[in-house]
Amino acid sequence: MFNELGFECFQEHRAHSQRGKFFTCPNTHCTQRHIERIIELLARAKFSIDLAMYSLNSPEILLALGKALQRNVAIRLIVSQPVVTPINGNIFNLMRAGLKVRSQPFVGLMHHKFCVIDGRTRVDHIWSLKRRSYDPPATYSVVINGSVNWTQGGFGANWENLVITSHHRIASEFQAEFDRMWETFVGSD
């Protein structure tokens, strides 16, 4: 995804949305298509979503995270700012629904922007907590990584990039980094 190429249709989508009309976009770099692809991947999560995001306020993505929580998907979010600051009312609502949030207590920024869906070691950990005597079902680990914050500006106004991969080694490395940060940072759980 290179979303500066999607900006040309962003205003068209917004105008149709405000009028409550459906819009089939001809732009192959369409920002809305990229958001919908992320939502589709979040909707496929069976066990876990681990999200390290400097800034997160995309209404569509927050809604998708809420739906995942309703499906009993374990979601952990690492943000840069402390949880005690009003990050976003929607995030607080998600926390009440089960979202676990941590932030880095040190000077400097947690500037990562990545998501691991159904990372193998995370799935194994969740499965072990359920005390199952058999192996967990096979999962499809996915990593979403790039420069884009999952915000309206990030998806529709900036020059950003985003890569989606299911490569096992890459997913394992991102999961290990998330787990390392999760153990280091402080939070809501």
C-alpha atoms as a PDB file:
ATOM      1  CA  MET A   1       0.000   0.000   0.000  1.00  0.00           C
ATOM      2  CA  PHE A   2       1.292   3.420  -0.915  1.00  0.00           C
ATOM      3  CA  ASN A   3      -1.570   5.561   0.194  1.00  0.00           C
ATOM      4  CA  GLU A   4      -0.675   8.933  -1.288  1.00  0.00           C
ATOM      5  CA  LEU A   5      -1.947   7.302  -4.492  1.00  0.00           C
ATOM      6  CA  GLY A   6      -5.252   6.654  -2.762  1.00  0.00           C
ATOM      7  CA  PHE A   7      -5.860  10.228  -1.733  1.00  0.00           C
ATOM      8  CA  GLU A   8      -7.452  11.139  -5.054  1.00  0.00           C
ATOM      9  CA  CYS A   9     -10.535   9.079  -4.169  1.00  0.00           C
ATOM     10  CA  PHE A  10     -10.554   9.741  -0.397  1.00  0.00           C
ATOM     11  CA  GLN A  11     -12.769  12.813  -0.716  1.00  0.00           C
ATOM     12  CA  GLU A  12     -15.104  10.950  -3.085  1.00  0.00           C
ATOM     13  CA  HIS A  13     -15.532   8.153  -0.535  1.00  0.00           C
ATOM     14  CA  ARG A  14     -16.169  10.658   2.239  1.00  0.00           C
ATOM     15  CA  ALA A  15     -18.806  12.489   0.174  1.00  0.00           C
ATOM     16  CA  HIS A  16     -20.633   9.246  -0.695  1.00  0.00           C
ATOM     17  CA  SER A  17     -20.430   8.058   2.909  1.00  0.00           C
ATOM     18  CA  GLN A  18     -21.948  11.292   4.203  1.00  0.00           C
ATOM     19  CA  ARG A  19     -24.821  10.851   1.748  1.00  0.00           C
ATOM     20  CA  GLY A  20     -25.200   7.198   2.762  1.00  0.00           C
ATOM     21  CA  LYS A  21     -24.474   5.956  -0.742  1.00  0.00           C
ATOM     22  CA  PHE A  22     -22.287   3.077  -1.886  1.00  0.00           C
ATOM     23  CA  PHE A  23     -19.328   3.969  -4.076  1.00  0.00           C
ATOM     24  CA  THR A  24     -17.436   1.489  -6.273  1.00  0.00           C
ATOM     25  CA  CYS A  25     -14.004   2.990  -6.574  1.00  0.00           C
ATOM     26  CA  PRO A  26     -12.009   2.498  -9.789  1.00  0.00           C
ATOM     27  CA  ASN A  27      -8.693   3.458  -8.105  1.00  0.00           C
ATOM     28  CA  THR A  28      -6.487   0.381  -7.610  1.00  0.00           C
ATOM     29  CA  HIS A  29      -4.604   2.272  -4.864  1.00  0.00           C
ATOM     30  CA  CYS A  30      -7.814   3.231  -3.083  1.00  0.00           C
ATOM     31  CA  THR A  31      -7.365   4.054   0.600  1.00  0.00           C
ATOM     32  CA  GLN A  32     -10.737   2.555   1.472  1.00  0.00           C
ATOM     33  CA  ARG A  33      -9.731  -0.739  -0.158  1.00  0.00           C
ATOM     34  CA  HIS A  34      -6.630  -0.835   2.038  1.00  0.00           C
ATOM     35  CA  ILE A  35      -8.672  -0.201   5.177  1.00  0.00           C
ATOM     36  CA  GLU A  36     -11.138  -2.903   4.130  1.00  0.00           C
ATOM     37  CA  ARG A  37      -8.255  -5.353   3.590  1.00  0.00           C
ATOM     38  CA  ILE A  38      -7.015  -4.747   7.141  1.00  0.00           C
ATOM     39  CA  ILE A  39     -10.556  -5.161   8.474  1.00  0.00           C
ATOM     40  CA  GLU A  40     -10.883  -8.429   6.541  1.00  0.00           C
ATOM     41  CA  LEU A  41      -7.680  -9.739   8.133  1.00  0.00           C
ATOM     42  CA  LEU A  42      -8.812  -8.658  11.619  1.00  0.00           C
ATOM     43  CA  ALA A  43     -12.119 -10.441  10.991  1.00  0.00           C
ATOM     44  CA  ARG A  44     -10.238 -13.682  10.232  1.00  0.00           C
ATOM     45  CA  ALA A  45      -8.442 -13.669  13.604  1.00  0.00           C
ATOM     46  CA  LYS A  46      -9.333 -16.788  15.558  1.00  0.00           C
ATOM     47  CA  PHE A  47      -7.234 -16.399  18.724  1.00  0.00           C
ATOM     48  CA  SER A  48      -5.234 -13.189  18.951  1.00  0.00           C
ATOM     49  CA  ILE A  49      -4.503  -9.736  17.637  1.00  0.00           C
ATOM     50  CA  ASP A  50      -1.359  -8.035  18.954  1.00  0.00           C
ATOM     51  CA  LEU A  51      -1.127  -4.424  17.869  1.00  0.00           C
ATOM     52  CA  ALA A  52       1.747  -1.976  18.465  1.00  0.00           C
ATOM     53  CA  MET A  53       0.568   1.367  17.172  1.00  0.00           C
ATOM     54  CA  TYR A  54       1.798   4.880  17.838  1.00  0.00           C
ATOM     55  CA  SER A  55      -1.622   6.329  16.993  1.00  0.00           C
ATOM     56  CA  LEU A  56      -4.927   4.550  16.448  1.00  0.00           C
ATOM     57  CA  ASN A  57      -8.286   6.196  15.809  1.00  0.00           C
ATOM     58  CA  SER A  58      -9.670   4.801  12.547  1.00  0.00           C
ATOM     59  CA  PRO A  59     -13.385   4.278  13.286  1.00  0.00           C
ATOM     60  CA  GLU A  60     -13.630   1.304  10.927  1.00  0.00           C
ATOM     61  CA  ILE A  61     -10.651  -0.463  12.477  1.00  0.00           C
ATOM     62  CA  LEU A  62     -11.806   0.247  16.035  1.00  0.00           C
ATOM     63  CA  LEU A  63     -15.173  -1.269  15.097  1.00  0.00           C
ATOM     64  CA  ALA A  64     -13.406  -4.350  13.675  1.00  0.00           C
ATOM     65  CA  LEU A  65     -11.422  -4.715  16.912  1.00  0.00           C
ATOM     66  CA  GLY A  66     -14.664  -4.511  18.893  1.00  0.00           C
ATOM     67  CA  LYS A  67     -16.171  -7.272  16.768  1.00  0.00           C
ATOM     68  CA  ALA A  68     -13.069  -9.411  17.333  1.00  0.00           C
ATOM     69  CA  LEU A  69     -13.443  -8.961  21.102  1.00  0.00           C
ATOM     70  CA  GLN A  70     -17.065 -10.115  20.787  1.00  0.00           C
ATOM     71  CA  ARG A  71     -15.733 -13.289  19.109  1.00  0.00           C
ATOM     72  CA  ASN A  72     -13.461 -13.819  22.163  1.00  0.00           C
ATOM     73  CA  VAL A  73     -10.290 -12.969  20.273  1.00  0.00           C
ATOM     74  CA  ALA A  74      -7.606 -11.860  22.754  1.00  0.00           C
ATOM     75  CA  ILE A  75      -6.401  -8.387  21.799  1.00  0.00           C
ATOM     76  CA  ARG A  76      -3.360  -6.627  23.201  1.00  0.00           C
ATOM     77  CA  LEU A  77      -2.505  -3.049  22.244  1.00  0.00           C
ATOM     78  CA  ILE A  78       0.770  -1.254  22.897  1.00  0.00           C
ATOM     79  CA  VAL A  79       0.632   2.527  22.498  1.00  0.00           C
ATOM     80  CA  SER A  80       3.162   5.292  23.049  1.00  0.00           C
ATOM     81  CA  GLN A  81       1.152   7.489  25.382  1.00  0.00           C
ATOM     82  CA  PRO A  82       0.205   6.343  28.887  1.00  0.00           C
ATOM     83  CA  VAL A  83      -3.213   4.776  29.259  1.00  0.00           C
ATOM     84  CA  VAL A  84      -4.247   7.387  31.825  1.00  0.00           C
ATOM     85  CA  THR A  85      -4.372  10.093  29.164  1.00  0.00           C
ATOM     86  CA  PRO A  86      -7.587  10.197  27.160  1.00  0.00           C
ATOM     87  CA  ILE A  87      -6.248   8.325  24.121  1.00  0.00           C
ATOM     88  CA  ASN A  88      -9.603   7.903  22.507  1.00  0.00           C
ATOM     89  CA  GLY A  89     -13.036   7.212  23.974  1.00  0.00           C
ATOM     90  CA  ASN A  90     -13.426   4.245  21.653  1.00  0.00           C
ATOM     91  CA  ILE A  91     -10.261   2.638  23.011  1.00  0.00           C
ATOM     92  CA  PHE A  92     -11.582   2.989  26.553  1.00  0.00           C
ATOM     93  CA  ASN A  93     -14.804   1.289  25.418  1.00  0.00           C
ATOM     94  CA  LEU A  94     -12.732  -1.535  23.936  1.00  0.00           C
ATOM     95  CA  MET A  95     -10.819  -1.811  27.213  1.00  0.00           C
ATOM     96  CA  ARG A  96     -14.116  -2.320  29.031  1.00  0.00           C
ATOM     97  CA  ALA A  97     -14.857  -5.094  26.509  1.00  0.00           C
ATOM     98  CA  GLY A  98     -11.555  -6.866  27.220  1.00  0.00           C
ATOM     99  CA  LEU A  99      -8.834  -5.052  25.280  1.00  0.00           C
ATOM    100  CA  LYS A 100      -5.524  -5.122  27.178  1.00  0.00           C
ATOM    101  CA  VAL A 101      -3.407  -1.987  26.786  1.00  0.00           C
ATOM    102  CA  ARG A 102       0.157  -1.162  27.742  1.00  0.00           C
ATOM    103  CA  SER A 103       2.366   1.831  27.091  1.00  0.00           C
ATOM    104  CA  GLN A 104       6.061   2.426  27.327  1.00  0.00           C
ATOM    105  CA  PRO A 105       7.014   4.237  30.536  1.00  0.00           C
ATOM    106  CA  PHE A 106      10.340   5.541  29.255  1.00  0.00           C
ATOM    107  CA  VAL A 107      11.494   8.712  27.588  1.00  0.00           C
ATOM    108  CA  GLY A 108      11.172   8.492  23.833  1.00  0.00           C
ATOM    109  CA  LEU A 109       8.476   7.157  21.585  1.00  0.00           C
ATOM    110  CA  MET A 110       7.081   3.712  21.025  1.00  0.00           C
ATOM    111  CA  HIS A 111       6.901   4.444  17.320  1.00  0.00           C
ATOM    112  CA  HIS A 112       6.147   0.958  15.973  1.00  0.00           C
ATOM    113  CA  LYS A 113       3.184   0.435  13.682  1.00  0.00           C
ATOM    114  CA  PHE A 114       2.592  -3.286  13.326  1.00  0.00           C
ATOM    115  CA  CYS A 115       0.017  -5.947  13.989  1.00  0.00           C
ATOM    116  CA  VAL A 116       0.407  -9.707  14.439  1.00  0.00           C
ATOM    117  CA  ILE A 117      -2.725 -11.774  13.923  1.00  0.00           C
ATOM    118  CA  ASP A 118      -2.756 -15.312  15.339  1.00  0.00           C
ATOM    119  CA  GLY A 119       1.003 -15.448  15.917  1.00  0.00           C
ATOM    120  CA  ARG A 120       1.973 -19.065  16.554  1.00  0.00           C
ATOM    121  CA  THR A 121       3.580 -18.618  19.985  1.00  0.00           C
ATOM    122  CA  ARG A 122       0.699 -16.406  21.127  1.00  0.00           C
ATOM    123  CA  VAL A 123      -1.866 -18.970  19.961  1.00  0.00           C
ATOM    124  CA  ASP A 124       0.066 -21.720  21.758  1.00  0.00           C
ATOM    125  CA  HIS A 125       0.093 -19.624  24.947  1.00  0.00           C
ATOM    126  CA  ILE A 126      -3.645 -18.907  24.767  1.00  0.00           C
ATOM    127  CA  TRP A 127      -4.295 -22.591  24.079  1.00  0.00           C
ATOM    128  CA  SER A 128      -2.205 -23.648  27.098  1.00  0.00           C
ATOM    129  CA  LEU A 129      -4.233 -21.323  29.333  1.00  0.00           C
ATOM    130  CA  LYS A 130      -7.345 -23.205  28.228  1.00  0.00           C
ATOM    131  CA  ARG A 131      -5.623 -26.400  29.432  1.00  0.00           C
ATOM    132  CA  ARG A 132      -6.423 -28.341  26.297  1.00  0.00           C
ATOM    133  CA  SER A 133      -4.826 -31.773  26.038  1.00  0.00           C
ATOM    134  CA  TYR A 134      -4.590 -31.636  22.257  1.00  0.00           C
ATOM    135  CA  ASP A 135      -2.774 -29.301  19.890  1.00  0.00           C
ATOM    136  CA  PRO A 136      -4.449 -26.062  18.818  1.00  0.00           C
ATOM    137  CA  PRO A 137      -5.850 -25.926  15.321  1.00  0.00           C
ATOM    138  CA  ALA A 138      -3.610 -24.668  12.559  1.00  0.00           C
ATOM    139  CA  THR A 139      -3.689 -20.906  12.240  1.00  0.00           C
ATOM    140  CA  TYR A 140      -2.810 -18.434   9.561  1.00  0.00           C
ATOM    141  CA  SER A 141      -0.349 -15.955  11.093  1.00  0.00           C
ATOM    142  CA  VAL A 142      -0.352 -12.525   9.465  1.00  0.00           C
ATOM    143  CA  VAL A 143       1.807  -9.449  10.002  1.00  0.00           C
ATOM    144  CA  ILE A 144       0.726  -5.970   8.958  1.00  0.00           C
ATOM    145  CA  ASN A 145       3.648  -3.535   9.145  1.00  0.00           C
ATOM    146  CA  GLY A 146       4.572  -0.138   7.791  1.00  0.00           C
ATOM    147  CA  SER A 147       4.883   3.562   8.426  1.00  0.00           C
ATOM    148  CA  VAL A 148       1.155   4.259   8.542  1.00  0.00           C
ATOM    149  CA  ASN A 149      -0.626   5.035  11.794  1.00  0.00           C
ATOM    150  CA  TRP A 150      -4.094   3.518  11.752  1.00  0.00           C
ATOM    151  CA  THR A 151      -5.772   6.911  11.728  1.00  0.00           C
ATOM    152  CA  GLN A 152      -7.880   8.790   9.232  1.00  0.00           C
ATOM    153  CA  GLY A 153      -4.914  11.025   8.395  1.00  0.00           C
ATOM    154  CA  GLY A 154      -2.543   8.081   8.187  1.00  0.00           C
ATOM    155  CA  PHE A 155      -4.748   6.272   5.709  1.00  0.00           C
ATOM    156  CA  GLY A 156      -5.892   9.228   3.699  1.00  0.00           C
ATOM    157  CA  ALA A 157      -3.604  12.224   3.903  1.00  0.00           C
ATOM    158  CA  ASN A 158       0.026  11.179   4.305  1.00  0.00           C
ATOM    159  CA  TRP A 159       2.687   9.478   2.216  1.00  0.00           C
ATOM    160  CA  GLU A 160       2.851   6.084   3.918  1.00  0.00           C
ATOM    161  CA  ASN A 161       3.562   2.428   3.251  1.00  0.00           C
ATOM    162  CA  LEU A 162       2.113  -0.815   4.533  1.00  0.00           C
ATOM    163  CA  VAL A 163       3.146  -4.420   3.913  1.00  0.00           C
ATOM    164  CA  ILE A 164       1.059  -7.499   4.693  1.00  0.00           C
ATOM    165  CA  THR A 165       2.770 -10.882   4.923  1.00  0.00           C
ATOM    166  CA  SER A 166       2.106 -14.378   6.201  1.00  0.00           C
ATOM    167  CA  HIS A 167       5.763 -15.447   6.025  1.00  0.00           C
ATOM    168  CA  HIS A 168       6.337 -17.700   9.058  1.00  0.00           C
ATOM    169  CA  ARG A 169       9.759 -16.366  10.052  1.00  0.00           C
ATOM    170  CA  ILE A 170       8.701 -12.732   9.763  1.00  0.00           C
ATOM    171  CA  ALA A 171       5.557 -13.412  11.795  1.00  0.00           C
ATOM    172  CA  SER A 172       7.640 -15.171  14.469  1.00  0.00           C
ATOM    173  CA  GLU A 173      10.066 -12.269  14.727  1.00  0.00           C
ATOM    174  CA  PHE A 174       7.330  -9.663  14.994  1.00  0.00           C
ATOM    175  CA  GLN A 175       5.526 -11.779  17.599  1.00  0.00           C
ATOM    176  CA  ALA A 176       8.748 -12.057  19.622  1.00  0.00           C
ATOM    177  CA  GLU A 177       9.234  -8.273  19.481  1.00  0.00           C
ATOM    178  CA  PHE A 178       5.663  -7.651  20.580  1.00  0.00           C
ATOM    179  CA  ASP A 179       5.994 -10.141  23.449  1.00  0.00           C
ATOM    180  CA  ARG A 180       9.279  -8.524  24.541  1.00  0.00           C
ATOM    181  CA  MET A 181       7.673  -5.072  24.622  1.00  0.00           C
ATOM    182  CA  TRP A 182       4.571  -6.421  26.366  1.00  0.00           C
ATOM    183  CA  GLU A 183       6.705  -7.780  29.200  1.00  0.00           C
ATOM    184  CA  THR A 184       8.656  -4.508  29.465  1.00  0.00           C
ATOM    185  CA  PHE A 185       5.820  -1.974  29.342  1.00  0.00           C
ATOM    186  CA  VAL A 186       3.136  -1.160  31.932  1.00  0.00           C
ATOM    187  CA  GLY A 187      -0.578  -1.271  31.460  1.00  0.00           C
ATOM    188  CA  SER A 188      -4.190  -2.028  32.105  1.00  0.00           C
ATOM    189  CA  ASP A 189      -4.000  -5.676  32.996  1.00  0.00           C
END
